[in-house]
Amino acid sequence: MFKNLRITCDEATMICDKSQYGASTLLNRLKLNIHFIGCKKCILYTKQNVKLTDLYKGYSHSCKGEKHTLSSEDKEALKKTFKLKS
């Protein structure tokens, strides 16, 4: 009965990644929590993954108002470089 609920560490990391973005199913999250009972490494991976996501979200909010583009001069120089190499 419980054999269907057992997953590998690779599957656990995939479910962890999906669950952070709301793309995992209830069954997958259940499998992940069962996997956590016997795997401390996957618990650590999940904690680190959540921390990195939170850091990125915090940083991305401060950057949304800024435009990160090349100047016209830089664009022209880049085009010339590509033309010379082709």
C-alpha atoms as a PDB file:
ATOM      1  CA  MET A   1       0.000   0.000   0.000  1.00  0.00           C
ATOM      2  CA  PHE A   2       2.730   2.471   0.942  1.00  0.00           C
ATOM      3  CA  LYS A   3       5.046   1.465  -1.892  1.00  0.00           C
ATOM      4  CA  ASN A   4       3.222   3.912  -4.158  1.00  0.00           C
ATOM      5  CA  LEU A   5       4.054   6.737  -1.753  1.00  0.00           C
ATOM      6  CA  ARG A   6       7.817   6.152  -1.735  1.00  0.00           C
ATOM      7  CA  ILE A   7       9.940   8.392  -3.933  1.00  0.00           C
ATOM      8  CA  THR A   8      13.638   8.874  -4.659  1.00  0.00           C
ATOM      9  CA  CYS A   9      15.630  11.950  -3.709  1.00  0.00           C
ATOM     10  CA  ASP A  10      15.579  13.099  -7.350  1.00  0.00           C
ATOM     11  CA  GLU A  11      11.792  12.944  -7.370  1.00  0.00           C
ATOM     12  CA  ALA A  12      11.702  14.729  -4.004  1.00  0.00           C
ATOM     13  CA  THR A  13      13.770  17.647  -5.281  1.00  0.00           C
ATOM     14  CA  MET A  14      11.571  17.930  -8.359  1.00  0.00           C
ATOM     15  CA  ILE A  15       8.422  18.000  -6.204  1.00  0.00           C
ATOM     16  CA  CYS A  16      10.060  20.525  -3.878  1.00  0.00           C
ATOM     17  CA  ASP A  17      10.793  22.830  -6.796  1.00  0.00           C
ATOM     18  CA  LYS A  18       7.281  22.473  -8.182  1.00  0.00           C
ATOM     19  CA  SER A  19       5.601  23.010  -4.816  1.00  0.00           C
ATOM     20  CA  GLN A  20       7.329  26.359  -4.347  1.00  0.00           C
ATOM     21  CA  TYR A  21       5.552  27.649  -7.433  1.00  0.00           C
ATOM     22  CA  GLY A  22       2.217  25.978  -6.743  1.00  0.00           C
ATOM     23  CA  ALA A  23       2.637  23.393  -9.500  1.00  0.00           C
ATOM     24  CA  SER A  24       2.637  20.238  -7.364  1.00  0.00           C
ATOM     25  CA  THR A  25      -0.365  18.106  -6.549  1.00  0.00           C
ATOM     26  CA  LEU A  26      -1.607  17.198  -3.101  1.00  0.00           C
ATOM     27  CA  LEU A  27      -0.461  13.612  -3.651  1.00  0.00           C
ATOM     28  CA  ASN A  28       3.038  14.781  -4.587  1.00  0.00           C
ATOM     29  CA  ARG A  29       3.278  16.965  -1.491  1.00  0.00           C
ATOM     30  CA  LEU A  30       2.161  13.988   0.615  1.00  0.00           C
ATOM     31  CA  LYS A  31       4.866  11.828  -0.979  1.00  0.00           C
ATOM     32  CA  LEU A  32       7.411  14.547  -0.284  1.00  0.00           C
ATOM     33  CA  ASN A  33       6.467  14.765   3.384  1.00  0.00           C
ATOM     34  CA  ILE A  34       6.674  10.991   3.726  1.00  0.00           C
ATOM     35  CA  HIS A  35      10.096  11.114   2.074  1.00  0.00           C
ATOM     36  CA  PHE A  36      11.199  13.712   4.643  1.00  0.00           C
ATOM     37  CA  ILE A  37      10.686  11.165   7.438  1.00  0.00           C
ATOM     38  CA  GLY A  38      13.721   9.202   6.295  1.00  0.00           C
ATOM     39  CA  CYS A  39      15.797  11.738   4.390  1.00  0.00           C
ATOM     40  CA  LYS A  40      17.407  14.643   6.200  1.00  0.00           C
ATOM     41  CA  LYS A  41      19.320  15.733   3.091  1.00  0.00           C
ATOM     42  CA  CYS A  42      16.113  16.490   1.229  1.00  0.00           C
ATOM     43  CA  ILE A  43      14.841  18.483   4.210  1.00  0.00           C
ATOM     44  CA  LEU A  44      18.016  20.561   4.062  1.00  0.00           C
ATOM     45  CA  TYR A  45      17.660  20.974   0.284  1.00  0.00           C
ATOM     46  CA  THR A  46      14.091  22.206   0.726  1.00  0.00           C
ATOM     47  CA  LYS A  47      15.058  24.697   3.433  1.00  0.00           C
ATOM     48  CA  GLN A  48      17.900  26.058   1.317  1.00  0.00           C
ATOM     49  CA  ASN A  49      15.690  26.233  -1.765  1.00  0.00           C
ATOM     50  CA  VAL A  50      13.017  28.182   0.125  1.00  0.00           C
ATOM     51  CA  LYS A  51      15.667  30.567   1.468  1.00  0.00           C
ATOM     52  CA  LEU A  52      17.097  31.198  -2.018  1.00  0.00           C
ATOM     53  CA  THR A  53      13.619  31.805  -3.426  1.00  0.00           C
ATOM     54  CA  ASP A  54      12.838  34.291  -0.657  1.00  0.00           C
ATOM     55  CA  LEU A  55      16.130  36.108  -1.244  1.00  0.00           C
ATOM     56  CA  TYR A  56      15.487  36.295  -4.970  1.00  0.00           C
ATOM     57  CA  LYS A  57      11.946  37.572  -4.489  1.00  0.00           C
ATOM     58  CA  GLY A  58      13.204  40.284  -2.139  1.00  0.00           C
ATOM     59  CA  TYR A  59      15.871  41.349  -4.605  1.00  0.00           C
ATOM     60  CA  SER A  60      13.573  41.257  -7.619  1.00  0.00           C
ATOM     61  CA  HIS A  61      11.085  43.637  -5.992  1.00  0.00           C
ATOM     62  CA  SER A  62      13.760  46.293  -5.623  1.00  0.00           C
ATOM     63  CA  CYS A  63      14.851  45.912  -9.272  1.00  0.00           C
ATOM     64  CA  LYS A  64      11.466  46.050 -10.970  1.00  0.00           C
ATOM     65  CA  GLY A  65      11.504  49.826 -11.349  1.00  0.00           C
ATOM     66  CA  GLU A  66      14.918  49.862 -13.005  1.00  0.00           C
ATOM     67  CA  LYS A  67      15.514  49.214 -16.672  1.00  0.00           C
ATOM     68  CA  HIS A  68      18.525  47.101 -17.495  1.00  0.00           C
ATOM     69  CA  THR A  69      19.252  47.762 -21.163  1.00  0.00           C
ATOM     70  CA  LEU A  70      22.236  48.626 -23.286  1.00  0.00           C
ATOM     71  CA  SER A  71      22.761  52.166 -24.441  1.00  0.00           C
ATOM     72  CA  SER A  72      22.416  52.900 -28.150  1.00  0.00           C
ATOM     73  CA  GLU A  73      26.192  53.227 -28.481  1.00  0.00           C
ATOM     74  CA  ASP A  74      26.742  49.848 -26.829  1.00  0.00           C
ATOM     75  CA  LYS A  75      24.161  48.242 -29.110  1.00  0.00           C
ATOM     76  CA  GLU A  76      25.881  49.603 -32.212  1.00  0.00           C
ATOM     77  CA  ALA A  77      29.295  48.437 -30.980  1.00  0.00           C
ATOM     78  CA  LEU A  78      27.864  44.973 -30.347  1.00  0.00           C
ATOM     79  CA  LYS A  79      26.345  44.852 -33.836  1.00  0.00           C
ATOM     80  CA  LYS A  80      29.706  45.809 -35.367  1.00  0.00           C
ATOM     81  CA  THR A  81      31.438  43.090 -33.375  1.00  0.00           C
ATOM     82  CA  PHE A  82      28.999  40.481 -34.650  1.00  0.00           C
ATOM     83  CA  LYS A  83      29.372  41.668 -38.242  1.00  0.00           C
ATOM     84  CA  LEU A  84      33.151  41.387 -38.016  1.00  0.00           C
ATOM     85  CA  LYS A  85      32.992  37.802 -36.721  1.00  0.00           C
ATOM     86  CA  SER A  86      30.536  36.516 -39.336  1.00  0.00           C
END
